[in-house]
Amino acid sequence: MSFYYIHSALMFIGFIFIIIGVFSARFLKKMRWWLKLHKTMNIIGALSTIIGIALMTSYISYTGSKHFNHIHSYLGFFVGFLSVITPLIGFVQLKALKSKIKFRPIHRFLGRLLIISMIFNILLGLRFAGII
């Protein structure tokens, strides 16, 4: 199986889990377990995304190709960064409830930016692969 297929599958799985996490925060707040679901889905999504990026980066290094030769690569790096920093800010938000810095708006903004970036990069990846 091609590394491109594995990369695509991991990134898509990451996207789906992150979407489930976002929707749980948006629509399931009346349930007692929404936060546990939100955290679990986003952690699994972030891990899948980071593994997908690491796999492709390793493959590109192995083949001797250039890493950043397409906007998909740059946006993918940004998606990886957001996949790590957004949950971290969410955890800080829960631990620093009495902080003067309000982390919730930052966490929400970055989560939305992550979803938009992922959608755009999925479309770029499909175009890059010649699918659309």
N, C-alpha and C. Protein backbone atom coordinates (compact mmCIF):
# COMPACT_ATOMS: atom_id res chain seq x y z
N MET A 1 0.84 -1.18 0.00
CA MET A 1 0.00 0.00 0.00
C MET A 1 0.88 1.24 0.00
N SER A 2 0.50 2.20 -0.76
CA SER A 2 1.27 3.43 -0.90
C SER A 2 1.22 4.28 0.37
N PHE A 3 2.31 4.95 0.65
CA PHE A 3 2.35 5.86 1.78
C PHE A 3 1.32 6.98 1.62
N TYR A 4 1.04 7.35 0.39
CA TYR A 4 0.05 8.40 0.14
C TYR A 4 -1.33 7.97 0.63
N TYR A 5 -1.68 6.70 0.42
CA TYR A 5 -2.98 6.21 0.88
C TYR A 5 -3.04 6.16 2.40
N ILE A 6 -1.96 5.73 3.01
CA ILE A 6 -1.92 5.67 4.47
C ILE A 6 -2.00 7.08 5.05
N HIS A 7 -1.24 8.00 4.45
CA HIS A 7 -1.28 9.40 4.88
C HIS A 7 -2.71 9.95 4.75
N SER A 8 -3.32 9.72 3.62
CA SER A 8 -4.68 10.21 3.38
C SER A 8 -5.66 9.63 4.39
N ALA A 9 -5.56 8.34 4.64
CA ALA A 9 -6.47 7.68 5.59
C ALA A 9 -6.29 8.24 7.00
N LEU A 10 -5.04 8.38 7.44
CA LEU A 10 -4.80 8.92 8.78
C LEU A 10 -5.30 10.34 8.93
N MET A 11 -5.09 11.15 7.90
CA MET A 11 -5.54 12.54 7.95
C MET A 11 -7.07 12.61 7.95
N PHE A 12 -7.71 11.77 7.16
CA PHE A 12 -9.16 11.77 7.12
C PHE A 12 -9.74 11.27 8.44
N ILE A 13 -9.14 10.23 9.01
CA ILE A 13 -9.58 9.73 10.32
C ILE A 13 -9.42 10.82 11.37
N GLY A 14 -8.28 11.51 11.34
CA GLY A 14 -8.06 12.62 12.27
C GLY A 14 -9.12 13.69 12.13
N PHE A 15 -9.45 14.02 10.89
CA PHE A 15 -10.47 15.03 10.62
C PHE A 15 -11.82 14.59 11.18
N ILE A 16 -12.21 13.36 10.95
CA ILE A 16 -13.51 12.86 11.42
C ILE A 16 -13.57 12.89 12.95
N PHE A 17 -12.52 12.44 13.62
CA PHE A 17 -12.52 12.46 15.08
C PHE A 17 -12.57 13.89 15.62
N ILE A 18 -11.85 14.79 15.00
CA ILE A 18 -11.88 16.19 15.45
C ILE A 18 -13.27 16.79 15.23
N ILE A 19 -13.89 16.48 14.11
CA ILE A 19 -15.25 16.96 13.85
C ILE A 19 -16.23 16.43 14.92
N ILE A 20 -16.10 15.15 15.26
CA ILE A 20 -16.95 14.59 16.31
C ILE A 20 -16.71 15.32 17.63
N GLY A 21 -15.45 15.60 17.93
CA GLY A 21 -15.13 16.34 19.15
C GLY A 21 -15.74 17.73 19.17
N VAL A 22 -15.68 18.41 18.04
CA VAL A 22 -16.25 19.76 17.95
C VAL A 22 -17.77 19.71 18.10
N PHE A 23 -18.40 18.77 17.42
CA PHE A 23 -19.85 18.66 17.51
C PHE A 23 -20.30 18.26 18.91
N SER A 24 -19.50 17.47 19.60
CA SER A 24 -19.87 17.11 20.98
C SER A 24 -19.84 18.35 21.87
N ALA A 25 -18.89 19.23 21.65
CA ALA A 25 -18.82 20.47 22.43
C ALA A 25 -19.95 21.42 22.07
N ARG A 26 -20.36 21.38 20.84
CA ARG A 26 -21.39 22.31 20.37
C ARG A 26 -22.80 21.84 20.69
N PHE A 27 -23.07 20.55 20.56
CA PHE A 27 -24.45 20.08 20.63
C PHE A 27 -24.77 19.13 21.79
N LEU A 28 -23.79 18.68 22.53
CA LEU A 28 -24.04 17.69 23.57
C LEU A 28 -23.76 18.20 24.98
N LYS A 29 -23.71 19.51 25.16
CA LYS A 29 -23.36 20.05 26.47
C LYS A 29 -24.38 19.74 27.55
N LYS A 30 -25.56 19.31 27.18
CA LYS A 30 -26.57 18.95 28.18
C LYS A 30 -26.29 17.56 28.77
N MET A 31 -25.46 16.79 28.10
CA MET A 31 -25.09 15.46 28.59
C MET A 31 -23.93 15.60 29.58
N ARG A 32 -23.91 14.76 30.58
CA ARG A 32 -22.84 14.82 31.59
C ARG A 32 -21.48 14.49 31.01
N TRP A 33 -21.43 13.65 30.01
CA TRP A 33 -20.20 13.08 29.50
C TRP A 33 -19.64 13.82 28.28
N TRP A 34 -20.21 14.98 27.93
CA TRP A 34 -19.80 15.66 26.70
C TRP A 34 -18.31 16.04 26.72
N LEU A 35 -17.81 16.50 27.87
CA LEU A 35 -16.41 16.94 27.93
C LEU A 35 -15.45 15.78 27.75
N LYS A 36 -15.79 14.64 28.34
CA LYS A 36 -14.95 13.44 28.18
C LYS A 36 -14.90 13.02 26.71
N LEU A 37 -16.07 13.03 26.06
CA LEU A 37 -16.13 12.71 24.63
C LEU A 37 -15.34 13.73 23.81
N HIS A 38 -15.51 15.00 24.12
CA HIS A 38 -14.81 16.08 23.41
C HIS A 38 -13.30 15.90 23.50
N LYS A 39 -12.81 15.67 24.70
CA LYS A 39 -11.36 15.50 24.89
C LYS A 39 -10.85 14.24 24.20
N THR A 40 -11.55 13.14 24.36
CA THR A 40 -11.11 11.86 23.78
C THR A 40 -11.07 11.92 22.26
N MET A 41 -12.13 12.42 21.66
CA MET A 41 -12.19 12.49 20.19
C MET A 41 -11.11 13.41 19.63
N ASN A 42 -10.89 14.54 20.29
CA ASN A 42 -9.88 15.48 19.79
C ASN A 42 -8.46 14.97 19.99
N ILE A 43 -8.23 14.24 21.06
CA ILE A 43 -6.89 13.67 21.26
C ILE A 43 -6.62 12.60 20.20
N ILE A 44 -7.60 11.72 19.96
CA ILE A 44 -7.42 10.68 18.93
C ILE A 44 -7.25 11.34 17.56
N GLY A 45 -8.05 12.37 17.28
CA GLY A 45 -7.93 13.08 16.01
C GLY A 45 -6.58 13.75 15.84
N ALA A 46 -6.11 14.39 16.90
CA ALA A 46 -4.80 15.05 16.84
C ALA A 46 -3.68 14.03 16.65
N LEU A 47 -3.74 12.91 17.36
CA LEU A 47 -2.72 11.86 17.21
C LEU A 47 -2.71 11.29 15.80
N SER A 48 -3.87 11.02 15.27
CA SER A 48 -3.96 10.49 13.91
C SER A 48 -3.38 11.49 12.91
N THR A 49 -3.69 12.76 13.10
CA THR A 49 -3.18 13.81 12.22
C THR A 49 -1.66 13.91 12.30
N ILE A 50 -1.13 13.92 13.50
CA ILE A 50 0.32 14.04 13.68
C ILE A 50 1.03 12.82 13.11
N ILE A 51 0.48 11.64 13.32
CA ILE A 51 1.09 10.42 12.76
C ILE A 51 1.06 10.48 11.23
N GLY A 52 -0.06 10.94 10.66
CA GLY A 52 -0.16 11.07 9.20
C GLY A 52 0.86 12.04 8.64
N ILE A 53 1.06 13.15 9.32
CA ILE A 53 2.05 14.14 8.88
C ILE A 53 3.46 13.58 9.03
N ALA A 54 3.73 12.93 10.16
CA ALA A 54 5.06 12.36 10.40
C ALA A 54 5.39 11.27 9.38
N LEU A 55 4.40 10.46 9.06
CA LEU A 55 4.60 9.39 8.08
C LEU A 55 4.98 9.98 6.72
N MET A 56 4.25 10.98 6.28
CA MET A 56 4.53 11.57 4.97
C MET A 56 5.86 12.32 4.97
N THR A 57 6.16 13.01 6.08
CA THR A 57 7.44 13.70 6.17
C THR A 57 8.60 12.71 6.11
N SER A 58 8.46 11.59 6.80
CA SER A 58 9.50 10.55 6.76
C SER A 58 9.66 9.97 5.36
N TYR A 59 8.54 9.72 4.72
CA TYR A 59 8.58 9.17 3.36
C TYR A 59 9.24 10.14 2.38
N ILE A 60 8.91 11.41 2.49
CA ILE A 60 9.51 12.40 1.60
C ILE A 60 11.01 12.50 1.85
N SER A 61 11.42 12.45 3.12
CA SER A 61 12.85 12.46 3.44
C SER A 61 13.54 11.23 2.88
N TYR A 62 12.90 10.08 3.02
CA TYR A 62 13.46 8.81 2.55
C TYR A 62 13.68 8.82 1.03
N THR A 63 12.73 9.40 0.30
CA THR A 63 12.84 9.43 -1.16
C THR A 63 13.74 10.56 -1.66
N GLY A 64 14.11 11.47 -0.78
CA GLY A 64 14.99 12.57 -1.17
C GLY A 64 14.25 13.72 -1.86
N SER A 65 12.94 13.71 -1.79
CA SER A 65 12.16 14.78 -2.39
C SER A 65 12.21 16.03 -1.53
N LYS A 66 11.73 17.12 -2.10
CA LYS A 66 11.68 18.39 -1.38
C LYS A 66 10.42 18.41 -0.52
N HIS A 67 10.57 18.85 0.74
CA HIS A 67 9.44 18.84 1.67
C HIS A 67 8.36 19.85 1.31
N PHE A 68 8.71 21.07 1.17
CA PHE A 68 7.72 22.12 0.97
C PHE A 68 7.74 22.60 -0.47
N ASN A 69 7.06 21.85 -1.33
CA ASN A 69 7.02 22.21 -2.74
C ASN A 69 5.60 22.50 -3.21
N HIS A 70 4.66 22.57 -2.28
CA HIS A 70 3.26 22.78 -2.63
C HIS A 70 2.56 23.42 -1.44
N ILE A 71 1.54 24.20 -1.70
CA ILE A 71 0.81 24.86 -0.60
C ILE A 71 0.19 23.81 0.34
N HIS A 72 -0.12 22.64 -0.19
CA HIS A 72 -0.65 21.55 0.64
C HIS A 72 0.33 21.20 1.76
N SER A 73 1.61 21.22 1.47
CA SER A 73 2.63 20.91 2.48
C SER A 73 2.68 21.97 3.56
N TYR A 74 2.65 23.23 3.16
CA TYR A 74 2.69 24.32 4.13
C TYR A 74 1.45 24.32 5.03
N LEU A 75 0.30 24.16 4.39
CA LEU A 75 -0.94 24.14 5.17
C LEU A 75 -0.99 22.90 6.06
N GLY A 76 -0.44 21.79 5.59
CA GLY A 76 -0.38 20.58 6.40
C GLY A 76 0.45 20.78 7.66
N PHE A 77 1.56 21.49 7.52
CA PHE A 77 2.39 21.81 8.69
C PHE A 77 1.59 22.67 9.68
N PHE A 78 0.85 23.64 9.14
CA PHE A 78 0.00 24.51 9.97
C PHE A 78 -1.09 23.70 10.68
N VAL A 79 -1.70 22.76 9.96
CA VAL A 79 -2.72 21.89 10.55
C VAL A 79 -2.11 21.05 11.67
N GLY A 80 -0.91 20.54 11.47
CA GLY A 80 -0.22 19.79 12.51
C GLY A 80 0.03 20.63 13.75
N PHE A 81 0.46 21.86 13.53
CA PHE A 81 0.70 22.78 14.64
C PHE A 81 -0.60 23.04 15.40
N LEU A 82 -1.67 23.34 14.67
CA LEU A 82 -2.96 23.60 15.32
C LEU A 82 -3.50 22.36 16.02
N SER A 83 -3.22 21.18 15.47
CA SER A 83 -3.68 19.93 16.07
C SER A 83 -3.05 19.69 17.44
N VAL A 84 -1.88 20.25 17.64
CA VAL A 84 -1.19 20.10 18.93
C VAL A 84 -1.56 21.24 19.87
N ILE A 85 -1.51 22.47 19.37
CA ILE A 85 -1.68 23.63 20.24
C ILE A 85 -3.12 23.82 20.71
N THR A 86 -4.10 23.47 19.88
CA THR A 86 -5.50 23.67 20.26
C THR A 86 -5.90 22.82 21.47
N PRO A 87 -5.61 21.51 21.49
CA PRO A 87 -5.94 20.75 22.70
C PRO A 87 -5.14 21.19 23.92
N LEU A 88 -3.89 21.60 23.70
CA LEU A 88 -3.09 22.07 24.84
C LEU A 88 -3.73 23.30 25.48
N ILE A 89 -4.19 24.22 24.66
CA ILE A 89 -4.86 25.41 25.21
C ILE A 89 -6.17 25.01 25.88
N GLY A 90 -6.85 24.01 25.34
CA GLY A 90 -8.06 23.51 25.99
C GLY A 90 -7.77 22.95 27.38
N PHE A 91 -6.69 22.20 27.53
CA PHE A 91 -6.32 21.67 28.84
C PHE A 91 -5.91 22.79 29.80
N VAL A 92 -5.18 23.77 29.28
CA VAL A 92 -4.80 24.91 30.11
C VAL A 92 -6.05 25.65 30.57
N GLN A 93 -7.00 25.78 29.67
CA GLN A 93 -8.26 26.45 30.00
C GLN A 93 -8.95 25.79 31.19
N LEU A 94 -8.95 24.46 31.22
CA LEU A 94 -9.60 23.75 32.32
C LEU A 94 -8.84 23.88 33.63
N LYS A 95 -7.52 24.00 33.55
CA LYS A 95 -6.71 24.08 34.76
C LYS A 95 -6.59 25.51 35.29
N ALA A 96 -6.76 26.49 34.44
CA ALA A 96 -6.55 27.90 34.82
C ALA A 96 -7.87 28.67 34.82
N LEU A 97 -8.85 28.12 35.52
CA LEU A 97 -10.18 28.74 35.52
C LEU A 97 -10.18 30.14 36.13
N LYS A 98 -9.29 30.40 37.07
CA LYS A 98 -9.25 31.70 37.73
C LYS A 98 -8.20 32.63 37.13
N SER A 99 -7.63 32.24 36.03
CA SER A 99 -6.61 33.06 35.38
C SER A 99 -7.22 34.32 34.78
N LYS A 100 -6.43 35.37 34.72
CA LYS A 100 -6.89 36.61 34.09
C LYS A 100 -6.92 36.48 32.58
N ILE A 101 -6.12 35.57 32.07
CA ILE A 101 -6.12 35.31 30.62
C ILE A 101 -7.30 34.39 30.34
N LYS A 102 -8.13 34.77 29.42
CA LYS A 102 -9.29 33.96 29.06
C LYS A 102 -8.91 33.05 27.90
N PHE A 103 -8.72 31.77 28.20
CA PHE A 103 -8.26 30.81 27.20
C PHE A 103 -9.39 30.26 26.34
N ARG A 104 -10.62 30.29 26.84
CA ARG A 104 -11.72 29.69 26.09
C ARG A 104 -11.91 30.30 24.70
N PRO A 105 -11.93 31.65 24.57
CA PRO A 105 -12.08 32.21 23.22
C PRO A 105 -10.92 31.83 22.29
N ILE A 106 -9.74 31.74 22.84
CA ILE A 106 -8.57 31.35 22.04
C ILE A 106 -8.73 29.90 21.58
N HIS A 107 -9.12 29.03 22.49
CA HIS A 107 -9.32 27.61 22.18
C HIS A 107 -10.41 27.44 21.12
N ARG A 108 -11.50 28.16 21.26
CA ARG A 108 -12.59 28.05 20.29
C ARG A 108 -12.18 28.58 18.92
N PHE A 109 -11.47 29.71 18.90
CA PHE A 109 -11.02 30.27 17.63
C PHE A 109 -10.06 29.31 16.92
N LEU A 110 -9.10 28.79 17.67
CA LEU A 110 -8.13 27.86 17.07
C LEU A 110 -8.79 26.57 16.61
N GLY A 111 -9.79 26.10 17.35
CA GLY A 111 -10.53 24.91 16.92
C GLY A 111 -11.25 25.14 15.60
N ARG A 112 -11.88 26.29 15.48
CA ARG A 112 -12.56 26.63 14.22
C ARG A 112 -11.56 26.80 13.08
N LEU A 113 -10.45 27.46 13.37
CA LEU A 113 -9.40 27.64 12.36
C LEU A 113 -8.84 26.28 11.93
N LEU A 114 -8.70 25.36 12.87
CA LEU A 114 -8.21 24.02 12.56
C LEU A 114 -9.15 23.30 11.60
N ILE A 115 -10.45 23.35 11.88
CA ILE A 115 -11.43 22.67 11.01
C ILE A 115 -11.41 23.27 9.61
N ILE A 116 -11.41 24.59 9.51
CA ILE A 116 -11.38 25.25 8.20
C ILE A 116 -10.10 24.90 7.45
N SER A 117 -8.97 24.93 8.16
CA SER A 117 -7.68 24.59 7.54
C SER A 117 -7.66 23.14 7.07
N MET A 118 -8.23 22.25 7.86
CA MET A 118 -8.26 20.84 7.47
C MET A 118 -9.12 20.63 6.22
N ILE A 119 -10.28 21.26 6.19
CA ILE A 119 -11.15 21.12 5.02
C ILE A 119 -10.43 21.63 3.77
N PHE A 120 -9.84 22.80 3.88
CA PHE A 120 -9.14 23.38 2.74
C PHE A 120 -7.98 22.50 2.31
N ASN A 121 -7.24 21.95 3.28
CA ASN A 121 -6.09 21.12 2.93
C ASN A 121 -6.50 19.76 2.38
N ILE A 122 -7.62 19.22 2.84
CA ILE A 122 -8.14 17.98 2.26
C ILE A 122 -8.46 18.22 0.78
N LEU A 123 -9.11 19.33 0.50
CA LEU A 123 -9.43 19.66 -0.90
C LEU A 123 -8.17 19.85 -1.73
N LEU A 124 -7.17 20.52 -1.15
CA LEU A 124 -5.89 20.68 -1.86
C LEU A 124 -5.22 19.34 -2.10
N GLY A 125 -5.26 18.47 -1.10
CA GLY A 125 -4.66 17.14 -1.25
C GLY A 125 -5.36 16.33 -2.33
N LEU A 126 -6.68 16.39 -2.36
CA LEU A 126 -7.42 15.68 -3.41
C LEU A 126 -7.12 16.25 -4.79
N ARG A 127 -6.96 17.55 -4.86
CA ARG A 127 -6.59 18.17 -6.14
C ARG A 127 -5.16 17.79 -6.53
N PHE A 128 -4.26 17.81 -5.56
CA PHE A 128 -2.87 17.44 -5.79
C PHE A 128 -2.75 16.00 -6.28
N ALA A 129 -3.63 15.12 -5.76
CA ALA A 129 -3.62 13.72 -6.16
C ALA A 129 -4.35 13.48 -7.47
N GLY A 130 -5.00 14.52 -7.99
CA GLY A 130 -5.72 14.40 -9.26
C GLY A 130 -7.11 13.80 -9.13
N ILE A 131 -7.64 13.76 -7.93
CA ILE A 131 -8.96 13.19 -7.70
C ILE A 131 -10.06 14.21 -8.03
N ILE A 132 -9.82 15.46 -7.69
CA ILE A 132 -10.79 16.52 -8.05
C ILE A 132 -10.12 17.57 -8.90
